């Protein structure tokens, strides 16, 4: 079976007459483009490019395949659009959410979603077997909602729908708990707990510490926000986390939430979808409810 992603890479190389320029156009590494072309050549059993130094020339087999490739990709796009248009309601909806988003958003939006789609099978996953991008490409999930900055992935559209402020979190009995706000200087000699949701802010945090002329005692990083929040609640350090992910614990008195008294830090909430795919009514409704809830949370929870 011909891989659509390999065909798209092949057509980009044909148009650019260069693997390097095709890689730039597709935001891929040159080695990835070369590997995809070689895999496609193995599939069709023919050489598609003649290589001379850094130059590539399309062979006769390549010229023939280019015509078929364009028709196949056009047919694939038409099929997706027709299927989406012909179905008033999809058979199911599968959404991949990061755990910290899901535990806050889903209980709030599920009743409204069910009023509109009472019998629709809804699957919510927090982990991807093969990675979210591949799951989207292979149809394993319809869309993803994650905490993190968008990046370039062939065939996947990424849109930032919200930017959630990062806050500092400490145990209620911590000496900083009554302050309401802390700055870089307050991290001097303290253990700092960071999750991957704040890694995109790591350089800004480091520069802020440098300007203040202080250094933390240590930095602990984890992909699990829950682990680090438990460490913070036990008085083992200062965690930086998205505000919505810690609001419930702060309201319950299990953690003290502190505004970051420096240049604001944010975590992006990003929606990932298959590029060119027409979203069904259920998916559009689910994402609209997510946007509304994020806006409500932003207006309903004030920082100290």
Protein backbone atom coordinates (compact mmCIF):
# COMPACT_ATOMS: atom_id res chain seq x y z
CA UNK A 1 0.00 0.00 0.00
CA UNK A 2 1.28 3.46 -0.89
CA UNK A 3 1.79 5.72 2.12
CA UNK A 4 0.16 9.17 1.64
CA UNK A 5 2.89 10.85 3.71
CA UNK A 6 5.58 9.33 1.51
CA UNK A 7 3.68 10.46 -1.59
CA UNK A 8 3.45 14.03 -0.27
CA UNK A 9 7.17 14.04 0.45
CA UNK A 10 7.86 12.61 -3.01
CA UNK A 11 5.79 15.32 -4.74
CA UNK A 12 7.53 18.03 -2.72
CA UNK A 13 10.91 16.67 -3.84
CA UNK A 14 9.70 16.55 -7.45
CA UNK A 15 8.54 20.16 -7.32
CA UNK A 16 11.71 21.39 -5.59
CA UNK A 17 14.12 19.17 -7.55
CA UNK A 18 15.99 18.90 -4.27
CA UNK A 19 15.63 16.79 -1.15
CA UNK A 20 17.06 19.63 0.93
CA UNK A 21 14.56 22.21 -0.32
CA UNK A 22 11.74 19.69 0.04
CA UNK A 23 12.79 19.16 3.65
CA UNK A 24 12.69 22.93 4.26
CA UNK A 25 9.25 23.21 2.69
CA UNK A 26 7.86 20.33 4.76
CA UNK A 27 9.71 21.33 7.95
CA UNK A 28 11.41 17.94 8.04
CA UNK A 29 15.05 16.97 8.34
CA UNK A 30 16.81 16.07 5.06
CA UNK A 31 17.47 12.57 6.43
CA UNK A 32 13.73 12.07 6.98
CA UNK A 33 12.98 13.08 3.39
CA UNK A 34 15.68 10.72 2.10
CA UNK A 35 14.34 7.85 4.22
CA UNK A 36 10.77 8.40 3.01
CA UNK A 37 11.85 8.48 -0.63
CA UNK A 38 13.88 5.29 -0.20
CA UNK A 39 10.94 3.57 1.47
CA UNK A 40 8.65 4.63 -1.38
CA UNK A 41 11.15 3.35 -3.94
CA UNK A 42 11.18 -0.01 -2.15
CA UNK A 43 7.39 -0.11 -2.17
CA UNK A 44 7.02 0.60 -5.91
CA UNK A 45 10.13 -1.38 -6.84
CA UNK A 46 11.67 1.34 -8.98
CA UNK A 47 14.17 4.19 -8.71
CA UNK A 48 12.33 7.50 -8.62
CA UNK A 49 15.28 9.91 -8.65
CA UNK A 50 18.70 9.87 -10.24
CA UNK A 51 21.20 11.29 -7.75
CA UNK A 52 24.28 13.20 -8.84
CA UNK A 53 26.10 14.80 -5.95
CA UNK A 54 23.64 17.12 -4.24
CA UNK A 55 21.31 17.21 -7.24
CA UNK A 56 18.39 14.90 -7.94
CA UNK A 57 16.58 14.34 -11.23
CA UNK A 58 13.23 12.62 -11.56
CA UNK A 59 13.44 9.36 -13.48
CA UNK A 60 10.83 8.17 -15.98
CA UNK A 61 9.34 5.97 -13.25
CA UNK A 62 9.24 9.03 -11.01
CA UNK A 63 7.43 11.13 -13.62
CA UNK A 64 4.82 8.43 -14.06
CA UNK A 65 4.33 8.05 -10.32
CA UNK A 66 3.96 11.81 -9.85
CA UNK A 67 0.77 11.84 -11.91
CA UNK A 68 -0.70 8.90 -10.02
CA UNK A 69 0.39 10.37 -6.67
CA UNK A 70 -1.45 13.64 -7.30
CA UNK A 71 -4.61 11.74 -8.26
CA UNK A 72 -4.37 9.47 -5.22
CA UNK A 73 -3.92 12.37 -2.81
CA UNK A 74 -6.77 14.30 -4.44
CA UNK A 75 -8.98 11.22 -4.10
CA UNK A 76 -7.99 10.82 -0.45
CA UNK A 77 -8.92 14.43 0.32
CA UNK A 78 -12.20 14.13 -1.56
CA UNK A 79 -13.04 10.89 0.28
CA UNK A 80 -12.45 12.50 3.67
CA UNK A 81 -14.60 15.48 2.79
CA UNK A 82 -17.44 13.39 1.30
CA UNK A 83 -17.55 11.05 4.29
CA UNK A 84 -17.65 13.97 6.69
CA UNK A 85 -20.35 15.73 4.66
CA UNK A 86 -22.49 12.60 4.24
CA UNK A 87 -22.59 11.81 7.96
CA UNK A 88 -24.87 14.07 9.99
CA UNK A 89 -23.32 12.63 13.14
CA UNK A 90 -20.11 10.61 13.43
CA UNK A 91 -20.24 7.07 14.78
CA UNK A 92 -17.88 7.96 17.61
CA UNK A 93 -15.56 10.68 18.89
CA UNK A 94 -12.10 10.01 20.27
CA UNK A 95 -10.18 12.83 21.94
CA UNK A 96 -6.68 12.73 23.38
CA UNK A 97 -6.23 15.09 26.35
CA UNK A 98 -3.37 15.66 28.71
CA UNK A 99 -4.28 14.37 32.18
CA UNK A 100 -4.11 17.75 33.90
CA UNK A 101 -6.47 19.30 31.34
CA UNK A 102 -8.89 16.39 31.27
CA UNK A 103 -9.44 16.19 35.02
CA UNK A 104 -10.43 19.88 35.08
CA UNK A 105 -12.32 20.31 31.81
CA UNK A 106 -14.21 17.07 31.21
CA UNK A 107 -16.42 17.08 34.34
CA UNK A 108 -17.40 20.67 33.52
CA UNK A 109 -18.27 20.21 29.84
CA UNK A 110 -19.58 16.64 29.69
CA UNK A 111 -23.18 17.47 30.75
CA UNK A 112 -23.54 20.06 27.97
CA UNK A 113 -21.97 17.74 25.43
CA UNK A 114 -24.35 14.92 26.42
CA UNK A 115 -27.39 17.17 26.04
CA UNK A 116 -26.49 17.60 22.38
CA UNK A 117 -25.08 14.11 21.69
CA UNK A 118 -26.76 11.84 24.26
CA UNK A 119 -25.92 8.49 22.69
CA UNK A 120 -22.64 9.19 20.93
CA UNK A 121 -19.77 6.90 22.03
CA UNK A 122 -17.08 9.20 23.44
CA UNK A 123 -13.56 7.94 24.12
CA UNK A 124 -11.14 10.11 26.11
CA UNK A 125 -7.51 9.01 26.22
CA UNK A 126 -4.61 10.49 28.14
CA UNK A 127 -1.80 8.55 26.46
CA UNK A 128 -0.96 7.70 22.86
CA UNK A 129 0.27 4.25 21.93
CA UNK A 130 2.36 5.51 19.01
CA UNK A 131 2.41 9.25 19.68
CA UNK A 132 -0.39 11.74 19.08
CA UNK A 133 0.78 12.78 15.60
CA UNK A 134 0.81 9.20 14.33
CA UNK A 135 -2.51 8.46 16.03
CA UNK A 136 -4.04 11.43 14.21
CA UNK A 137 -2.58 10.34 10.88
CA UNK A 138 -3.80 6.79 11.29
CA UNK A 139 -7.26 7.75 12.50
CA UNK A 140 -6.77 6.46 16.04
CA UNK A 141 -7.94 9.78 17.50
CA UNK A 142 -10.01 12.60 16.04
CA UNK A 143 -8.21 15.44 17.81
CA UNK A 144 -5.84 16.19 20.64
CA UNK A 145 -5.95 18.88 23.33
CA UNK A 146 -2.59 19.25 25.04
CA UNK A 147 -0.63 21.60 27.24
CA UNK A 148 2.37 22.66 25.19
CA UNK A 149 3.54 24.92 22.41
CA UNK A 150 2.68 23.90 18.83
CA UNK A 151 5.40 22.46 16.63
CA UNK A 152 5.71 21.43 13.00
CA UNK A 153 4.43 17.95 12.13
CA UNK A 154 3.65 17.00 8.56
CA UNK A 155 -0.07 16.66 7.95
CA UNK A 156 -1.13 17.92 11.39
CA UNK A 157 -2.62 21.35 12.11
CA UNK A 158 -1.96 22.85 15.56
CA UNK A 159 -3.81 25.84 17.01
CA UNK A 160 -3.25 27.56 20.35
CA UNK A 161 -6.73 28.20 21.80
CA UNK A 162 -5.70 29.51 25.21
CA UNK A 163 -2.68 30.56 27.23
CA UNK A 164 -2.91 29.54 30.87
CA UNK A 165 -0.85 31.50 33.45
CA UNK A 166 1.77 29.56 35.38
CA UNK A 167 1.74 29.97 39.12
CA UNK A 168 3.98 28.90 41.97
CA UNK A 169 2.64 26.27 44.37
CA UNK A 170 3.79 25.47 47.92
CA UNK A 171 2.48 23.61 50.96
CA UNK A 172 -0.08 25.56 53.05
CA UNK A 173 2.35 25.66 55.97
CA UNK A 174 5.27 26.94 53.89
CA UNK A 175 6.72 30.29 54.90
CA UNK A 176 5.89 31.64 51.45
CA UNK A 177 2.24 30.57 51.57
CA UNK A 178 0.89 33.80 53.02
CA UNK A 179 2.75 36.01 50.60
CA UNK A 180 0.31 35.75 47.70
CA UNK A 181 3.08 36.53 45.22
CA UNK A 182 6.68 35.40 44.87
CA UNK A 183 9.51 36.35 42.59
CA UNK A 184 12.77 34.77 41.41
CA UNK A 185 14.61 35.87 44.57
CA UNK A 186 12.25 33.73 46.67
CA UNK A 187 13.57 30.59 44.96
CA UNK A 188 17.08 31.06 46.34
CA UNK A 189 18.14 27.92 48.15
CA UNK A 190 14.77 26.22 47.49
CA UNK A 191 14.04 23.02 45.58
CA UNK A 192 12.24 23.94 42.32
CA UNK A 193 9.79 21.40 40.85
CA UNK A 194 9.12 21.63 37.12
CA UNK A 195 6.85 19.64 34.79
CA UNK A 196 7.04 19.42 31.03
CA UNK A 197 4.19 21.94 30.87
CA UNK A 198 6.66 24.68 31.84
CA UNK A 199 9.71 23.49 29.93
CA UNK A 200 9.03 26.02 27.14
CA UNK A 201 9.45 28.69 29.84
CA UNK A 202 12.67 27.21 31.18
CA UNK A 203 14.95 29.80 29.56
CA UNK A 204 12.82 32.68 30.87
CA UNK A 205 12.87 31.24 34.38
CA UNK A 206 16.65 30.79 34.21
CA UNK A 207 17.16 34.38 33.01
CA UNK A 208 14.93 35.68 35.81
CA UNK A 209 17.01 33.81 38.39
CA UNK A 210 20.21 35.16 36.83
CA UNK A 211 18.90 38.74 36.98
CA UNK A 212 18.04 38.26 40.63
CA UNK A 213 21.51 36.80 41.26
CA UNK A 214 20.12 33.68 42.95
CA UNK A 215 20.22 29.94 42.36
CA UNK A 216 17.84 27.22 43.58
CA UNK A 217 19.17 24.46 45.79
CA UNK A 218 18.14 21.92 43.15
CA UNK A 219 15.74 21.39 40.26
CA UNK A 220 13.55 18.29 39.94
CA UNK A 221 11.73 17.65 36.67
CA UNK A 222 8.97 15.15 35.96
CA UNK A 223 6.46 14.44 33.20
CA UNK A 224 3.87 13.83 35.95
CA UNK A 225 2.29 16.95 37.40
CA UNK A 226 0.62 14.85 40.10
CA UNK A 227 3.98 13.66 41.43
CA UNK A 228 5.35 17.18 41.72
CA UNK A 229 2.19 18.55 43.34
CA UNK A 230 2.41 15.85 45.99
CA UNK A 231 6.03 16.82 46.60
CA UNK A 232 5.00 20.46 46.95
CA UNK A 233 2.15 19.55 49.31
CA UNK A 234 4.65 17.63 51.44
CA UNK A 235 6.77 20.76 51.80
CA UNK A 236 9.58 19.51 49.59
CA UNK A 237 9.82 22.44 47.22
CA UNK A 238 8.20 25.12 45.08
CA UNK A 239 6.36 23.85 42.01
CA UNK A 240 5.54 25.88 38.90
CA UNK A 241 2.35 24.70 37.22
CA UNK A 242 -0.59 25.86 35.05
CA UNK A 243 -3.13 27.67 37.23
CA UNK A 244 -6.15 25.60 36.14
CA UNK A 245 -4.35 22.38 37.07
CA UNK A 246 -3.90 23.44 40.70
CA UNK A 247 -7.02 25.55 41.29
CA UNK A 248 -9.03 22.74 42.91
CA UNK A 249 -6.25 21.85 45.35
CA UNK A 250 -5.80 25.54 46.21
CA UNK A 251 -9.53 26.03 46.88
CA UNK A 252 -9.54 22.92 49.09
CA UNK A 253 -6.59 24.24 51.10
CA UNK A 254 -4.28 21.40 50.14
CA UNK A 255 -1.89 23.74 48.34
CA UNK A 256 -1.12 27.45 48.44
CA UNK A 257 -1.20 29.20 45.08
CA UNK A 258 1.15 32.14 44.48
CA UNK A 259 1.28 34.53 41.55
CA UNK A 260 4.64 34.78 39.76
CA UNK A 261 5.85 38.32 40.45
CA UNK A 262 8.00 38.75 37.35
CA UNK A 263 7.43 38.66 33.60
CA UNK A 264 4.26 36.51 33.19
CA UNK A 265 4.73 32.84 32.33
CA UNK A 266 2.16 30.91 30.32
CA UNK A 267 1.44 27.35 29.18
CA UNK A 268 -0.22 27.03 25.78
CA UNK A 269 -3.36 24.92 25.36
CA UNK A 270 -3.02 23.53 21.85
CA UNK A 271 -5.55 21.69 19.68
CA UNK A 272 -4.07 19.17 17.24
CA UNK A 273 -6.10 17.97 14.24
CA UNK A 274 -5.43 16.24 10.94
CA UNK A 275 -4.79 18.96 8.36
CA UNK A 276 -7.43 19.15 5.64
CA UNK A 277 -9.91 16.96 7.50
CA UNK A 278 -13.43 18.33 7.87
CA UNK A 279 -14.36 18.15 11.56
CA UNK A 280 -17.67 16.54 12.46
CA UNK A 281 -20.40 18.25 14.47
CA UNK A 282 -19.52 16.39 17.67
CA UNK A 283 -15.84 17.32 17.49
CA UNK A 284 -16.66 20.98 16.79
CA UNK A 285 -19.09 21.04 19.72
CA UNK A 286 -16.58 19.41 22.07
CA UNK A 287 -13.85 21.91 21.17
CA UNK A 288 -16.24 24.85 21.47
CA UNK A 289 -17.17 23.70 24.98
CA UNK A 290 -13.48 23.41 25.87
CA UNK A 291 -12.84 26.98 24.69
CA UNK A 292 -15.82 28.28 26.64
CA UNK A 293 -14.75 26.48 29.81
CA UNK A 294 -11.20 27.76 29.55
CA UNK A 295 -12.55 31.29 29.18
CA UNK A 296 -14.86 30.80 32.16
CA UNK A 297 -12.05 29.43 34.31
CA UNK A 298 -9.84 32.36 33.35
CA UNK A 299 -12.47 34.88 34.42
CA UNK A 300 -13.66 32.98 37.49
CA UNK A 301 -10.33 32.36 39.23
CA UNK A 302 -8.39 35.48 40.12
CA UNK A 303 -4.74 35.40 40.97
CA UNK A 304 -3.67 36.52 44.43
